[in-house]
C-alpha cells in the first residue's frame, strides 16, 4: 500500500515538474540580461526625476517597468496635480512606451 502511494506521488511530482519550471515571471527574462538592465534603468530615471521635484507626496509613488518599456505607477499622492506631475515625468522619460497610472489621491485628515 505504501509503495503504491509513494509511486503515485512520484509520478504526479514528475509530471508537474516541467509545468512549475515554466511558470516564471514574464518580465524578467534571464536569458537576456540587457533587457533586465534596460528596465531597471528606466525605473531609476523616473525615480530620480520624481525625487528631484522635492514634493513629499511623490515619495509614496511606486514605479515598475516591464521589458517593453511600459511603466506602472502606483501608490498615493496628496493632490491630483501631484498625480498628473508623476505621470508626465514618466511619459517624458526616454525608453518609456506607455504609462499605466494607478496612483490614488489620498488627502491628509
N, C-alpha and C. Protein backbone atom coordinates (compact mmCIF):
# COMPACT_ATOMS: atom_id res chain seq x y z
N UNK A 1 0.82 -1.20 0.00
CA UNK A 1 0.00 0.00 0.00
C UNK A 1 0.87 1.26 0.00
N UNK A 2 1.90 1.25 0.84
CA UNK A 2 2.78 2.42 0.90
C UNK A 2 3.53 2.61 -0.42
N UNK A 3 3.88 1.53 -1.05
CA UNK A 3 4.63 1.65 -2.30
C UNK A 3 3.75 2.22 -3.41
N UNK A 4 2.46 1.91 -3.41
CA UNK A 4 1.54 2.48 -4.40
C UNK A 4 1.41 3.99 -4.20
N UNK A 5 1.26 4.40 -2.96
CA UNK A 5 1.14 5.82 -2.64
C UNK A 5 2.44 6.54 -3.02
N UNK A 6 3.56 5.97 -2.66
CA UNK A 6 4.85 6.57 -2.97
C UNK A 6 5.02 6.70 -4.48
N UNK A 7 4.70 5.65 -5.22
CA UNK A 7 4.83 5.67 -6.67
C UNK A 7 3.89 6.70 -7.30
N UNK A 8 2.66 6.81 -6.76
CA UNK A 8 1.70 7.78 -7.28
C UNK A 8 2.19 9.21 -7.06
N UNK A 9 2.69 9.48 -5.86
CA UNK A 9 3.21 10.82 -5.57
C UNK A 9 4.43 11.15 -6.43
N UNK A 10 5.29 10.18 -6.65
CA UNK A 10 6.46 10.38 -7.50
C UNK A 10 6.02 10.69 -8.94
N UNK A 11 5.04 9.97 -9.44
CA UNK A 11 4.55 10.19 -10.79
C UNK A 11 3.92 11.57 -10.94
N UNK A 12 3.09 11.97 -9.98
CA UNK A 12 2.47 13.30 -10.02
C UNK A 12 3.55 14.38 -9.96
N UNK A 13 4.52 14.21 -9.08
CA UNK A 13 5.61 15.18 -8.97
C UNK A 13 6.41 15.27 -10.26
N UNK A 14 6.65 14.16 -10.90
CA UNK A 14 7.40 14.14 -12.16
C UNK A 14 6.64 14.86 -13.27
N UNK A 15 5.32 14.70 -13.28
CA UNK A 15 4.51 15.35 -14.30
C UNK A 15 4.36 16.85 -14.07
N UNK A 16 4.35 17.28 -12.82
CA UNK A 16 4.19 18.70 -12.51
C UNK A 16 5.49 19.48 -12.58
N UNK A 17 6.61 18.82 -12.53
CA UNK A 17 7.92 19.49 -12.56
C UNK A 17 8.09 20.44 -13.73
N UNK A 18 7.87 19.99 -14.97
CA UNK A 18 8.03 20.89 -16.11
C UNK A 18 7.05 22.08 -16.09
N UNK A 19 5.85 21.86 -15.58
CA UNK A 19 4.87 22.94 -15.51
C UNK A 19 5.35 24.02 -14.55
N UNK A 20 5.86 23.63 -13.42
CA UNK A 20 6.36 24.58 -12.43
C UNK A 20 7.58 25.31 -12.97
N UNK A 21 8.43 24.62 -13.69
CA UNK A 21 9.64 25.24 -14.23
C UNK A 21 9.33 26.33 -15.24
N UNK A 22 8.22 26.22 -15.96
CA UNK A 22 7.86 27.20 -16.98
C UNK A 22 7.01 28.35 -16.44
N UNK A 23 6.65 28.29 -15.18
CA UNK A 23 5.82 29.34 -14.58
C UNK A 23 6.70 30.45 -14.04
N UNK A 24 7.53 31.03 -14.88
CA UNK A 24 8.45 32.10 -14.48
C UNK A 24 7.81 33.46 -14.67
N UNK A 25 8.38 34.46 -14.02
CA UNK A 25 7.92 35.83 -14.17
C UNK A 25 8.19 36.28 -15.61
N UNK A 26 7.19 36.81 -16.29
CA UNK A 26 7.31 37.11 -17.71
C UNK A 26 8.20 38.30 -18.03
N UNK A 27 8.38 39.24 -17.08
CA UNK A 27 9.17 40.42 -17.42
C UNK A 27 10.62 40.34 -16.95
N UNK A 28 11.06 39.18 -16.49
CA UNK A 28 12.46 39.02 -16.10
C UNK A 28 13.04 37.86 -16.89
N UNK A 29 13.40 38.11 -18.10
CA UNK A 29 13.98 37.09 -18.97
C UNK A 29 15.47 36.98 -18.66
N UNK A 30 15.86 35.96 -17.95
CA UNK A 30 17.25 35.79 -17.52
C UNK A 30 18.18 35.45 -18.68
N UNK A 31 17.63 35.09 -19.83
CA UNK A 31 18.47 34.80 -20.99
C UNK A 31 19.02 36.08 -21.61
N UNK A 32 18.35 37.19 -21.36
CA UNK A 32 18.75 38.47 -21.94
C UNK A 32 18.92 39.51 -20.83
N UNK A 33 20.08 39.53 -20.16
CA UNK A 33 20.28 40.47 -19.07
C UNK A 33 20.18 41.93 -19.50
N UNK A 34 20.44 42.22 -20.76
CA UNK A 34 20.36 43.60 -21.24
C UNK A 34 18.94 44.14 -21.09
N UNK A 35 17.93 43.30 -21.31
CA UNK A 35 16.54 43.73 -21.16
C UNK A 35 16.25 44.06 -19.71
N UNK A 36 16.76 43.25 -18.79
CA UNK A 36 16.54 43.49 -17.36
C UNK A 36 17.21 44.79 -16.94
N UNK A 37 18.42 45.05 -17.42
CA UNK A 37 19.14 46.27 -17.09
C UNK A 37 18.41 47.48 -17.66
N UNK A 38 17.88 47.37 -18.88
CA UNK A 38 17.14 48.46 -19.50
C UNK A 38 15.92 48.83 -18.66
N UNK A 39 15.18 47.82 -18.19
CA UNK A 39 14.00 48.06 -17.35
C UNK A 39 14.40 48.79 -16.08
N UNK A 40 15.46 48.35 -15.45
CA UNK A 40 15.92 48.97 -14.21
C UNK A 40 16.38 50.40 -14.45
N UNK A 41 17.01 50.64 -15.58
CA UNK A 41 17.48 51.99 -15.89
C UNK A 41 16.31 52.95 -16.06
N UNK A 42 15.27 52.51 -16.73
CA UNK A 42 14.08 53.36 -16.91
C UNK A 42 13.45 53.67 -15.55
N UNK A 43 13.29 52.64 -14.72
CA UNK A 43 12.71 52.83 -13.39
C UNK A 43 13.54 53.81 -12.58
N UNK A 44 14.87 53.65 -12.63
CA UNK A 44 15.76 54.53 -11.88
C UNK A 44 15.68 55.97 -12.36
N UNK A 45 15.61 56.17 -13.67
CA UNK A 45 15.50 57.52 -14.22
C UNK A 45 14.22 58.21 -13.72
N UNK A 46 13.12 57.47 -13.74
CA UNK A 46 11.84 58.05 -13.31
C UNK A 46 11.89 58.38 -11.82
N UNK A 47 12.42 57.47 -11.02
CA UNK A 47 12.50 57.72 -9.58
C UNK A 47 13.39 58.93 -9.28
N UNK A 48 14.49 59.07 -10.00
CA UNK A 48 15.38 60.21 -9.80
C UNK A 48 14.67 61.52 -10.15
N UNK A 49 13.91 61.52 -11.24
CA UNK A 49 13.18 62.72 -11.63
C UNK A 49 12.10 63.07 -10.60
N UNK A 50 11.43 62.05 -10.06
CA UNK A 50 10.43 62.29 -9.03
C UNK A 50 11.08 62.88 -7.78
N UNK A 51 12.22 62.34 -7.40
CA UNK A 51 12.94 62.85 -6.22
C UNK A 51 13.40 64.29 -6.42
N UNK A 52 13.78 64.63 -7.63
CA UNK A 52 14.25 65.98 -7.93
C UNK A 52 13.14 67.03 -7.79
N UNK A 53 11.91 66.61 -7.83
CA UNK A 53 10.78 67.54 -7.70
C UNK A 53 10.59 68.02 -6.26
N UNK A 54 11.16 67.32 -5.28
CA UNK A 54 11.09 67.69 -3.86
C UNK A 54 9.66 67.85 -3.36
N UNK A 55 8.77 67.02 -3.85
CA UNK A 55 7.40 67.02 -3.38
C UNK A 55 7.22 65.81 -2.48
N UNK A 56 6.79 66.04 -1.25
CA UNK A 56 6.70 64.95 -0.27
C UNK A 56 5.80 63.81 -0.75
N UNK A 57 4.71 64.12 -1.39
CA UNK A 57 3.77 63.06 -1.78
C UNK A 57 4.34 62.17 -2.88
N UNK A 58 5.30 62.68 -3.65
CA UNK A 58 5.88 61.86 -4.70
C UNK A 58 6.73 60.73 -4.13
N UNK A 59 7.10 60.81 -2.87
CA UNK A 59 7.87 59.75 -2.23
C UNK A 59 7.03 58.49 -2.01
N UNK A 60 5.73 58.62 -2.08
CA UNK A 60 4.83 57.48 -1.86
C UNK A 60 4.38 56.83 -3.17
N UNK A 61 5.09 57.12 -4.24
CA UNK A 61 4.74 56.58 -5.54
C UNK A 61 5.72 55.47 -5.91
N UNK A 62 5.18 54.34 -6.31
CA UNK A 62 6.00 53.20 -6.72
C UNK A 62 6.06 53.16 -8.25
N UNK A 63 7.23 52.78 -8.77
CA UNK A 63 7.44 52.73 -10.22
C UNK A 63 7.89 51.32 -10.59
N UNK A 64 7.28 50.75 -11.61
CA UNK A 64 7.69 49.44 -12.12
C UNK A 64 7.69 49.50 -13.65
N UNK A 65 8.69 48.87 -14.25
CA UNK A 65 8.82 48.89 -15.70
C UNK A 65 8.95 47.47 -16.22
N UNK A 66 8.27 47.15 -17.33
CA UNK A 66 8.42 45.82 -17.91
C UNK A 66 9.43 45.86 -19.06
N UNK A 67 9.65 44.71 -19.67
CA UNK A 67 10.68 44.58 -20.70
C UNK A 67 10.41 45.39 -21.96
N UNK A 68 9.16 45.81 -22.16
CA UNK A 68 8.80 46.56 -23.35
C UNK A 68 8.77 48.07 -23.13
N UNK A 69 9.18 48.51 -21.93
CA UNK A 69 9.19 49.94 -21.63
C UNK A 69 7.88 50.47 -21.10
N UNK A 70 6.94 49.59 -20.79
CA UNK A 70 5.67 50.01 -20.19
C UNK A 70 5.91 50.26 -18.70
N UNK A 71 5.41 51.39 -18.21
CA UNK A 71 5.63 51.79 -16.82
C UNK A 71 4.31 51.75 -16.07
N UNK A 72 4.33 51.21 -14.85
CA UNK A 72 3.19 51.21 -13.96
C UNK A 72 3.52 52.10 -12.78
N UNK A 73 2.66 53.07 -12.52
CA UNK A 73 2.78 53.94 -11.36
C UNK A 73 1.68 53.56 -10.38
N UNK A 74 2.04 53.41 -9.11
CA UNK A 74 1.05 53.09 -8.09
C UNK A 74 1.44 53.81 -6.80
N UNK A 75 0.56 53.75 -5.82
CA UNK A 75 0.80 54.41 -4.55
C UNK A 75 -0.20 55.52 -4.33
N UNK A 76 0.24 56.56 -3.60
CA UNK A 76 -0.68 57.65 -3.28
C UNK A 76 0.03 58.99 -3.39
N UNK A 77 -0.78 60.01 -3.61
CA UNK A 77 -0.30 61.40 -3.68
C UNK A 77 -1.33 62.28 -2.98
N UNK A 78 -0.90 63.48 -2.59
CA UNK A 78 -1.80 64.38 -1.87
C UNK A 78 -2.82 65.06 -2.77
N UNK A 79 -2.42 65.36 -4.00
CA UNK A 79 -3.33 66.09 -4.89
C UNK A 79 -3.34 65.46 -6.28
N UNK A 80 -4.36 65.80 -7.05
CA UNK A 80 -4.43 65.32 -8.42
C UNK A 80 -3.30 65.92 -9.24
N UNK A 81 -2.88 67.14 -8.89
CA UNK A 81 -1.76 67.78 -9.60
C UNK A 81 -0.48 66.96 -9.42
N UNK A 82 -0.26 66.39 -8.22
CA UNK A 82 0.90 65.53 -8.00
C UNK A 82 0.82 64.25 -8.83
N UNK A 83 -0.38 63.70 -8.93
CA UNK A 83 -0.59 62.50 -9.74
C UNK A 83 -0.27 62.81 -11.19
N UNK A 84 -0.79 63.92 -11.68
CA UNK A 84 -0.55 64.31 -13.07
C UNK A 84 0.93 64.59 -13.33
N UNK A 85 1.61 65.21 -12.36
CA UNK A 85 3.03 65.52 -12.49
C UNK A 85 3.84 64.22 -12.59
N UNK A 86 3.53 63.25 -11.75
CA UNK A 86 4.24 61.97 -11.78
C UNK A 86 4.05 61.27 -13.13
N UNK A 87 2.82 61.30 -13.64
CA UNK A 87 2.55 60.68 -14.93
C UNK A 87 3.30 61.40 -16.05
N UNK A 88 3.33 62.71 -16.00
CA UNK A 88 4.04 63.50 -17.00
C UNK A 88 5.54 63.20 -16.99
N UNK A 89 6.10 63.09 -15.79
CA UNK A 89 7.52 62.76 -15.67
C UNK A 89 7.80 61.39 -16.28
N UNK A 90 6.95 60.43 -15.99
CA UNK A 90 7.15 59.07 -16.54
C UNK A 90 7.04 59.08 -18.06
N UNK A 91 6.03 59.76 -18.59
CA UNK A 91 5.84 59.80 -20.05
C UNK A 91 7.01 60.46 -20.78
N UNK A 92 7.62 61.46 -20.13
CA UNK A 92 8.71 62.21 -20.75
C UNK A 92 10.07 61.54 -20.58
N UNK A 93 10.11 60.37 -19.98
CA UNK A 93 11.38 59.66 -19.75
C UNK A 93 11.73 58.81 -20.97
N UNK A 94 12.99 58.90 -21.39
CA UNK A 94 13.46 58.14 -22.55
C UNK A 94 13.29 56.64 -22.32
N UNK A 95 12.77 55.94 -23.32
CA UNK A 95 12.61 54.50 -23.26
C UNK A 95 11.22 54.05 -22.84
N UNK A 96 10.40 54.97 -22.35
CA UNK A 96 9.05 54.64 -21.90
C UNK A 96 8.12 54.59 -23.11
N UNK A 97 7.39 53.47 -23.24
CA UNK A 97 6.46 53.32 -24.35
C UNK A 97 5.03 53.66 -23.94
N UNK A 98 4.61 53.24 -22.76
CA UNK A 98 3.28 53.56 -22.23
C UNK A 98 3.37 53.74 -20.73
N UNK A 99 2.37 54.42 -20.17
CA UNK A 99 2.30 54.62 -18.72
C UNK A 99 0.92 54.21 -18.23
N UNK A 100 0.87 53.34 -17.25
CA UNK A 100 -0.38 52.94 -16.58
C UNK A 100 -0.35 53.58 -15.20
N UNK A 101 -1.27 54.51 -14.96
CA UNK A 101 -1.26 55.28 -13.73
C UNK A 101 -2.34 54.78 -12.78
N UNK A 102 -1.91 54.15 -11.68
CA UNK A 102 -2.83 53.67 -10.64
C UNK A 102 -2.62 54.43 -9.33
N UNK A 103 -2.11 55.65 -9.40
CA UNK A 103 -1.87 56.45 -8.20
C UNK A 103 -3.21 56.98 -7.70
N UNK A 104 -3.44 56.87 -6.41
CA UNK A 104 -4.68 57.35 -5.78
C UNK A 104 -4.39 58.64 -5.03
N UNK A 105 -5.34 59.56 -5.07
CA UNK A 105 -5.22 60.80 -4.29
C UNK A 105 -5.66 60.47 -2.87
N UNK A 106 -4.76 60.75 -1.92
CA UNK A 106 -5.02 60.45 -0.51
C UNK A 106 -4.76 61.72 0.28
N UNK A 107 -5.82 62.40 0.63
CA UNK A 107 -5.70 63.67 1.37
C UNK A 107 -5.51 63.38 2.83
N UNK A 108 -4.63 64.16 3.47
CA UNK A 108 -4.43 64.02 4.91
C UNK A 108 -5.60 64.60 5.66
N UNK A 109 -5.88 64.03 6.81
CA UNK A 109 -7.01 64.49 7.62
C UNK A 109 -6.58 65.52 8.62
